[in-house]
Amino acid sequence: MIYLHEYPQVKKANLLLLSFFVSLVCASCTNKRHTYLPQAKPDTIIARSTNKDTTRYYIPECFLVDVQDFFEEREDTSVVMWAEHPVYGTDVQAVNVFVENPTHTSLTYGRDWYLYQWNGEKWIMPKIKGPDIAWQNDGFDNRRAPVRYCFRFPIGSYYHLSKGKYRIYKSFYAGRQEIALHAEFEIKSRYEHRENGWYRITDNSTNSIAPTPIVTVKELINLRVDTDFYGKSVLVGNMGKYKRKAWADATEQAIGKRIGFVFNDSVLTSPQVNARIESGSFQISTLQEYDMESLYHQLIQEKRDSLDALFRANDWEKDTLFLNSLKPKEQDSIINSLDYTEAAAIVQGFEEENLHK
């Protein structure tokens, strides 16, 4: 329920594959359903930027796309805002911005938002398309305080955009206290591509993503679609054994901060880390309904492509042929159990053994 009231003006070997297949079958006979602790406070692509924006808004007057409630137990820390991506192209039409409210106080927010560009000395407003922007003096809030809000601001419709550093400013109110937030991002001629996987979020306020991944998709194993505490589809999995320590160390270093899962250059989820994760487990969930089955199959295909490239590079085409001779589900099971780093180590071991014969 949304309430409206007056508001003050102001984001090789067949043996290798066969051994994995046999061990997988044995494991699946005794595998029990695990209960995963909730870790993710997710981000998501609400809608991709296109020339024609067909987004369905939750509250269109203030460009609110969605809100999300999570768990009742919250840490009362600062309210933060960030953009979905750290970098956009010059043809960007809209920017998804997320606001996280870890308090129990419902925030009041209005229609107003402002874009500023850094000119090397100070933040200035870009040239506006058309007449001056004027916002109606009213405001909105929710009876129950959501943890996550997602706004979609059509910056390309309101401003002339060029390459540079930008900030979106928006004010919120907790009672009579104003909370002025901003989300920072950059506009470049080209996107900065990142390999799919888990990354450190180096700056919570700007959603800056570390240049190198903690772990990539090809190093993940045991992927499957599950349901969370609320019955919503999520994707869960584990690190391969060669990356488990790196994952534990990275999560320990990120306690109180966020890490993000990047897929196709978008942050699908960015949970705040509360403890070192020794088990190597993870969960991917999103703010709105996301096709987790499709994501699962895309990740499996990415793992398959990396293994095919590994085998072919070492003249192990027979392994690829053997894999392709199996039924699709058997293929997926083998691929899902294979850690690329472990497979590469086994391939190297076979090659060194043959070299010394």
Protein backbone atom coordinates (compact mmCIF):
# COMPACT_ATOMS: atom_id res chain seq x y z
CA MET A 1 0.00 0.00 0.00
CA ILE A 2 1.38 3.42 -0.97
CA TYR A 3 0.48 6.55 0.92
CA LEU A 4 0.57 10.06 -0.54
CA HIS A 5 1.20 13.16 1.58
CA GLU A 6 2.82 16.57 1.43
CA TYR A 7 6.56 16.41 0.99
CA PRO A 8 9.17 19.19 1.30
CA GLN A 9 11.11 19.79 -1.99
CA VAL A 10 14.62 18.99 -2.16
CA LYS A 11 21.45 1.68 -7.07
CA LYS A 12 42.03 -37.54 -21.87
CA ALA A 13 40.93 -38.89 -21.22
CA ASN A 14 37.67 -40.75 -21.24
CA LEU A 15 38.89 -41.98 -17.89
CA LEU A 16 38.84 -38.47 -16.57
CA LEU A 17 35.26 -37.84 -17.61
CA LEU A 18 34.12 -41.35 -16.72
CA SER A 19 35.59 -41.14 -13.22
CA PHE A 20 33.79 -37.85 -12.60
CA PHE A 21 30.57 -39.36 -13.96
CA VAL A 22 30.77 -42.44 -11.71
CA SER A 23 31.56 -40.38 -8.62
CA LEU A 24 28.71 -38.01 -9.42
CA VAL A 25 26.20 -40.87 -9.70
CA CYS A 26 27.35 -42.29 -6.37
CA ALA A 27 27.11 -38.89 -4.69
CA SER A 28 23.67 -38.20 -6.06
CA CYS A 29 22.29 -41.37 -4.44
CA THR A 30 23.16 -40.09 -0.96
CA ASN A 31 22.79 -36.35 -1.49
CA LYS A 32 20.29 -34.72 0.86
CA ARG A 33 18.64 -31.33 0.46
CA HIS A 34 20.81 -28.71 2.15
CA THR A 35 19.46 -25.65 3.89
CA TYR A 36 21.45 -22.63 2.78
CA LEU A 37 21.71 -19.66 5.08
CA PRO A 38 20.31 -16.50 3.48
CA GLN A 39 23.29 -14.51 2.23
CA ALA A 40 22.05 -12.44 -0.66
CA LYS A 41 20.51 -9.02 -0.67
CA PRO A 42 20.17 -8.95 -4.45
CA ASP A 43 20.54 -6.49 -7.26
CA THR A 44 19.11 -7.29 -10.64
CA ILE A 45 18.60 -6.06 -14.14
CA ILE A 46 15.10 -4.67 -13.98
CA ALA A 47 15.08 -3.89 -17.69
CA ARG A 48 17.82 -3.32 -20.22
CA SER A 49 18.24 0.15 -21.67
CA THR A 50 16.64 0.35 -25.10
CA ASN A 51 15.44 3.13 -27.35
CA LYS A 52 11.89 2.35 -26.29
CA ASP A 53 11.46 1.95 -22.56
CA THR A 54 8.75 -0.63 -21.84
CA THR A 55 9.40 -0.92 -18.11
CA ARG A 56 6.39 -1.56 -15.88
CA TYR A 57 6.73 0.79 -12.90
CA TYR A 58 5.61 0.09 -9.33
CA ILE A 59 5.06 3.81 -8.75
CA PRO A 60 5.48 5.54 -12.14
CA GLU A 61 5.24 9.06 -10.66
CA CYS A 62 8.64 8.69 -9.00
CA PHE A 63 10.17 6.08 -11.35
CA LEU A 64 10.08 3.35 -8.69
CA VAL A 65 10.26 -0.07 -10.36
CA ASP A 66 10.09 -2.39 -7.36
CA VAL A 67 10.60 -2.81 -3.62
CA GLN A 68 11.69 -5.92 -1.76
CA ASP A 69 11.32 -7.12 1.83
CA PHE A 70 13.84 -9.57 3.19
CA PHE A 71 14.39 -10.77 6.73
CA GLU A 72 13.06 -9.10 9.85
CA GLU A 73 16.43 -9.12 11.62
CA ARG A 74 18.39 -6.14 10.32
CA GLU A 75 21.47 -4.26 11.34
CA ASP A 76 20.66 -0.57 11.80
CA THR A 77 23.35 0.90 9.57
CA SER A 78 23.46 3.66 6.97
CA VAL A 79 21.04 3.94 4.06
CA VAL A 80 23.04 3.66 0.80
CA MET A 81 22.32 4.17 -2.91
CA TRP A 82 24.20 2.90 -5.97
CA ALA A 83 23.84 2.49 -9.73
CA GLU A 84 23.38 -0.94 -11.30
CA HIS A 85 26.52 -0.57 -13.42
CA PRO A 86 29.69 1.44 -12.76
CA VAL A 87 30.01 2.20 -16.49
CA TYR A 88 27.45 2.90 -19.24
CA GLY A 89 27.73 3.63 -22.96
CA THR A 90 26.97 7.00 -24.49
CA ASP A 91 23.69 5.62 -25.84
CA VAL A 92 22.32 4.84 -22.37
CA GLN A 93 18.65 5.77 -21.98
CA ALA A 94 17.95 4.81 -18.36
CA VAL A 95 19.90 3.92 -15.23
CA ASN A 96 18.64 1.50 -12.57
CA VAL A 97 19.46 2.78 -9.10
CA PHE A 98 19.17 0.75 -5.90
CA VAL A 99 18.58 2.08 -2.40
CA GLU A 100 19.19 -0.18 0.58
CA ASN A 101 17.48 0.69 3.85
CA PRO A 102 18.73 -1.65 6.61
CA THR A 103 16.76 0.23 9.28
CA HIS A 104 13.19 -0.38 10.43
CA THR A 105 12.13 3.16 9.48
CA SER A 106 10.05 3.56 6.34
CA LEU A 107 11.52 6.17 4.01
CA THR A 108 9.54 8.95 2.38
CA TYR A 109 10.55 9.89 -1.16
CA GLY A 110 9.23 12.19 -3.84
CA ARG A 111 9.27 12.51 -7.62
CA ASP A 112 12.42 14.61 -7.71
CA TRP A 113 15.87 13.39 -8.74
CA TYR A 114 18.79 15.27 -10.26
CA LEU A 115 21.73 14.39 -12.49
CA TYR A 116 25.13 16.09 -12.15
CA GLN A 117 28.35 15.76 -14.15
CA TRP A 118 31.91 16.35 -12.94
CA ASN A 119 33.64 19.08 -15.00
CA GLY A 120 37.06 18.62 -13.42
CA GLU A 121 36.44 21.14 -10.65
CA LYS A 122 32.88 20.70 -9.42
CA TRP A 123 29.58 18.91 -10.02
CA ILE A 124 27.35 20.72 -12.52
CA MET A 125 23.99 19.89 -14.08
CA PRO A 126 24.23 18.70 -17.72
CA LYS A 127 22.32 20.55 -20.41
CA ILE A 128 18.61 19.76 -20.10
CA LYS A 129 16.52 18.63 -23.05
CA GLY A 130 13.55 20.94 -23.40
CA PRO A 131 12.28 23.28 -20.68
CA ASP A 132 13.48 23.37 -17.08
CA ILE A 133 12.60 20.35 -14.96
CA ALA A 134 9.97 20.98 -12.28
CA TRP A 135 8.77 18.35 -9.81
CA GLN A 136 5.37 18.24 -8.11
CA ASN A 137 5.58 18.86 -4.38
CA ASP A 138 4.32 15.55 -3.00
CA GLY A 139 5.80 12.36 -1.58
CA PHE A 140 5.33 8.62 -1.18
CA ASP A 141 6.14 6.00 1.41
CA ASN A 142 5.34 2.39 2.31
CA ARG A 143 3.55 1.32 5.47
CA ARG A 144 6.23 -1.32 6.00
CA ALA A 145 9.89 -0.38 5.50
CA PRO A 146 11.34 -2.30 2.52
CA VAL A 147 14.99 -3.28 2.63
CA ARG A 148 15.58 -2.61 -1.07
CA TYR A 149 14.14 -0.11 -3.55
CA CYS A 150 14.87 0.02 -7.27
CA PHE A 151 14.35 3.22 -9.25
CA ARG A 152 14.79 3.52 -13.02
CA PHE A 153 15.74 7.06 -13.99
CA PRO A 154 15.41 7.96 -17.72
CA ILE A 155 18.50 10.15 -17.88
CA GLY A 156 18.62 10.00 -21.69
CA SER A 157 15.15 11.56 -21.92
CA TYR A 158 15.94 14.50 -19.63
CA TYR A 159 19.60 15.35 -20.29
CA HIS A 160 22.15 15.66 -23.10
CA LEU A 161 24.81 13.07 -22.22
CA SER A 162 28.52 12.96 -23.04
CA LYS A 163 31.45 10.94 -21.77
CA GLY A 164 32.36 11.62 -18.15
CA LYS A 165 31.64 10.98 -14.50
CA TYR A 166 28.05 11.41 -13.25
CA ARG A 167 26.00 11.34 -10.07
CA ILE A 168 22.28 10.91 -9.56
CA TYR A 169 21.10 12.75 -6.45
CA LYS A 170 17.87 11.95 -4.61
CA SER A 171 16.62 12.85 -1.15
CA PHE A 172 14.74 10.61 1.26
CA TYR A 173 13.23 11.34 4.66
CA ALA A 174 13.18 9.26 7.82
CA GLY A 175 10.53 11.18 9.69
CA ARG A 176 11.72 14.78 9.57
CA GLN A 177 15.37 13.84 8.97
CA GLU A 178 16.57 14.32 5.40
CA ILE A 179 18.86 11.65 3.95
CA ALA A 180 20.58 13.01 0.82
CA LEU A 181 21.98 10.17 -1.30
CA HIS A 182 23.84 9.90 -4.58
CA ALA A 183 24.77 7.10 -6.98
CA GLU A 184 27.90 7.56 -9.04
CA PHE A 185 28.69 6.07 -12.44
CA GLU A 186 30.67 6.81 -15.59
CA ILE A 187 29.68 7.15 -19.24
CA LYS A 188 32.23 5.89 -21.78
CA SER A 189 32.27 5.12 -25.49
CA ARG A 190 32.63 1.41 -24.73
CA TYR A 191 31.58 -0.87 -21.92
CA GLU A 192 34.28 -2.41 -19.78
CA HIS A 193 33.68 -6.15 -20.24
CA ARG A 194 34.18 -8.51 -17.30
CA GLU A 195 34.23 -12.29 -17.29
CA ASN A 196 31.17 -13.80 -15.62
CA GLY A 197 31.75 -14.62 -11.94
CA TRP A 198 32.00 -13.25 -8.40
CA TYR A 199 33.76 -9.91 -7.79
CA ARG A 200 34.52 -7.63 -4.88
CA ILE A 201 32.46 -4.45 -4.71
CA THR A 202 35.20 -1.95 -3.92
CA ASP A 203 32.97 1.03 -3.09
CA ASN A 204 29.45 0.50 -1.78
CA SER A 205 28.37 4.02 -2.66
CA THR A 206 29.29 3.78 -6.35
CA ASN A 207 29.00 0.01 -6.90
CA SER A 208 32.58 -0.03 -8.22
CA ILE A 209 33.56 -3.55 -9.24
CA ALA A 210 37.08 -4.90 -8.73
CA PRO A 211 38.94 -5.46 -12.03
CA THR A 212 39.74 -9.12 -11.31
CA PRO A 213 37.24 -11.80 -10.23
CA ILE A 214 37.33 -13.82 -7.03
CA VAL A 215 36.12 -16.83 -8.99
CA THR A 216 34.73 -17.29 -12.51
CA VAL A 217 31.83 -19.42 -13.73
CA LYS A 218 34.10 -22.17 -15.08
CA GLU A 219 35.40 -22.71 -11.53
CA LEU A 220 31.93 -23.23 -10.00
CA ILE A 221 30.43 -26.67 -9.39
CA ASN A 222 27.18 -28.30 -8.23
CA LEU A 223 24.96 -25.58 -9.69
CA ARG A 224 21.22 -26.10 -9.24
CA VAL A 225 17.98 -24.16 -9.03
CA ASP A 226 16.41 -24.12 -5.55
CA THR A 227 13.89 -22.05 -3.60
CA ASP A 228 14.64 -19.62 -0.79
CA PHE A 229 12.86 -18.95 2.52
CA TYR A 230 10.05 -17.16 0.65
CA GLY A 231 9.59 -19.87 -2.00
CA LYS A 232 11.34 -17.77 -4.65
CA SER A 233 13.63 -19.40 -7.24
CA VAL A 234 17.35 -18.98 -6.56
CA LEU A 235 20.48 -20.53 -7.99
CA VAL A 236 22.89 -22.17 -5.56
CA GLY A 237 26.26 -23.84 -5.98
CA ASN A 238 29.76 -24.30 -4.66
CA MET A 239 33.31 -23.30 -5.42
CA GLY A 240 35.59 -25.91 -6.95
CA LYS A 241 38.15 -27.27 -4.50
CA TYR A 242 40.96 -25.15 -5.96
CA LYS A 243 38.98 -21.95 -5.34
CA ARG A 244 37.43 -22.74 -1.97
CA LYS A 245 40.22 -21.11 0.05
CA ALA A 246 40.25 -18.05 -2.22
CA TRP A 247 36.49 -17.73 -1.66
CA ALA A 248 36.87 -18.08 2.12
CA ASP A 249 39.66 -15.50 2.21
CA ALA A 250 37.77 -13.08 -0.05
CA THR A 251 34.57 -13.30 2.01
CA GLU A 252 36.54 -12.76 5.20
CA GLN A 253 38.14 -9.62 3.75
CA ALA A 254 34.70 -8.42 2.62
CA ILE A 255 32.90 -8.75 5.98
CA GLY A 256 30.59 -5.75 6.31
CA LYS A 257 31.00 -5.04 2.60
CA ARG A 258 29.40 -6.44 -0.55
CA ILE A 259 30.46 -8.86 -3.25
CA GLY A 260 28.68 -9.14 -6.59
CA PHE A 261 27.90 -11.83 -9.14
CA VAL A 262 28.45 -10.35 -12.61
CA PHE A 263 26.68 -11.92 -15.58
CA ASN A 264 26.83 -10.40 -19.06
CA ASP A 265 28.35 -7.25 -17.53
CA SER A 266 25.43 -6.80 -15.12
CA VAL A 267 25.42 -7.27 -11.35
CA LEU A 268 22.73 -9.87 -10.70
CA THR A 269 23.19 -9.98 -6.95
CA SER A 270 25.42 -8.18 -4.45
CA PRO A 271 25.04 -9.66 -0.96
CA GLN A 272 26.58 -8.07 2.07
CA VAL A 273 29.06 -10.48 3.64
CA ASN A 274 28.54 -11.16 7.33
CA ALA A 275 31.12 -13.91 7.94
CA ARG A 276 33.90 -15.95 6.34
CA ILE A 277 32.34 -18.66 4.15
CA GLU A 278 34.48 -21.77 4.56
CA SER A 279 32.01 -24.12 2.87
CA GLY A 280 32.44 -22.56 -0.56
CA SER A 281 28.66 -22.26 -0.98
CA PHE A 282 26.85 -19.32 -2.56
CA GLN A 283 23.35 -18.22 -3.57
CA ILE A 284 22.19 -16.03 -6.45
CA SER A 285 18.81 -14.34 -6.05
CA THR A 286 17.35 -11.24 -7.66
CA LEU A 287 14.98 -8.45 -6.75
CA GLN A 288 12.36 -9.27 -9.36
CA GLU A 289 11.50 -12.69 -10.79
CA TYR A 290 14.49 -13.81 -12.85
CA ASP A 291 14.53 -16.93 -15.03
CA MET A 292 16.87 -19.05 -12.89
CA GLU A 293 16.42 -22.11 -15.10
CA SER A 294 17.66 -20.11 -18.08
CA LEU A 295 20.57 -18.73 -16.03
CA TYR A 296 21.47 -22.28 -14.91
CA HIS A 297 21.60 -23.57 -18.50
CA GLN A 298 23.64 -20.57 -19.65
CA LEU A 299 26.20 -21.12 -16.89
CA ILE A 300 26.41 -24.84 -17.68
CA GLN A 301 26.96 -23.98 -21.36
CA GLU A 302 29.73 -21.56 -20.38
CA LYS A 303 31.40 -24.32 -18.34
CA ARG A 304 31.04 -26.72 -21.31
CA ASP A 305 32.65 -24.23 -23.70
CA SER A 306 35.62 -23.72 -21.38
CA LEU A 307 36.17 -27.49 -21.02
CA ASP A 308 35.86 -28.04 -24.77
CA ALA A 309 38.50 -25.34 -25.33
CA LEU A 310 40.77 -26.98 -22.73
CA PHE A 311 40.48 -30.45 -24.28
CA ARG A 312 40.94 -29.25 -27.86
CA ALA A 313 43.95 -27.13 -26.92
CA ASN A 314 45.63 -30.28 -25.59
CA ASP A 315 44.53 -32.53 -28.50
CA TRP A 316 41.97 -34.35 -26.38
CA GLU A 317 39.19 -34.23 -28.93
CA LYS A 318 38.16 -37.78 -27.99
CA ASP A 319 36.99 -36.53 -24.62
CA THR A 320 34.75 -33.98 -26.27
CA LEU A 321 33.40 -36.66 -28.59
CA PHE A 322 32.79 -39.00 -25.65
CA LEU A 323 30.97 -36.26 -23.75
CA ASN A 324 28.81 -35.42 -26.75
CA SER A 325 27.82 -39.09 -27.11
CA LEU A 326 26.07 -39.02 -23.73
CA LYS A 327 22.50 -37.97 -23.08
CA PRO A 328 22.00 -34.24 -22.37
CA LYS A 329 21.32 -34.77 -18.66
CA GLU A 330 24.42 -36.95 -18.32
CA GLN A 331 26.47 -34.29 -20.08
CA ASP A 332 25.17 -31.56 -17.77
CA SER A 333 25.89 -33.72 -14.71
CA ILE A 334 29.52 -34.26 -15.71
CA ILE A 335 30.07 -30.63 -16.67
CA ASN A 336 28.43 -29.45 -13.44
CA SER A 337 30.80 -31.57 -11.35
CA LEU A 338 33.96 -30.49 -13.16
CA ASP A 339 36.06 -27.66 -11.79
CA TYR A 340 38.01 -26.20 -14.71
CA THR A 341 41.17 -25.73 -12.63
CA GLU A 342 41.06 -29.33 -11.43
CA ALA A 343 40.43 -30.60 -14.98
CA ALA A 344 43.38 -28.51 -16.25
CA ALA A 345 45.61 -29.96 -13.51
CA ILE A 346 44.62 -33.50 -14.48
CA VAL A 347 45.25 -32.77 -18.17
CA GLN A 348 48.66 -31.35 -17.32
CA GLY A 349 49.42 -34.41 -15.19
CA PHE A 350 48.61 -36.77 -18.06
CA GLU A 351 50.73 -34.71 -20.45
CA GLU A 352 53.74 -34.70 -18.09
CA GLU A 353 53.36 -38.43 -17.49
CA ASN A 354 53.39 -39.12 -21.26
CA LEU A 355 56.38 -36.81 -21.66
CA HIS A 356 58.49 -38.93 -19.30
CA LYS A 357 57.56 -42.29 -20.84
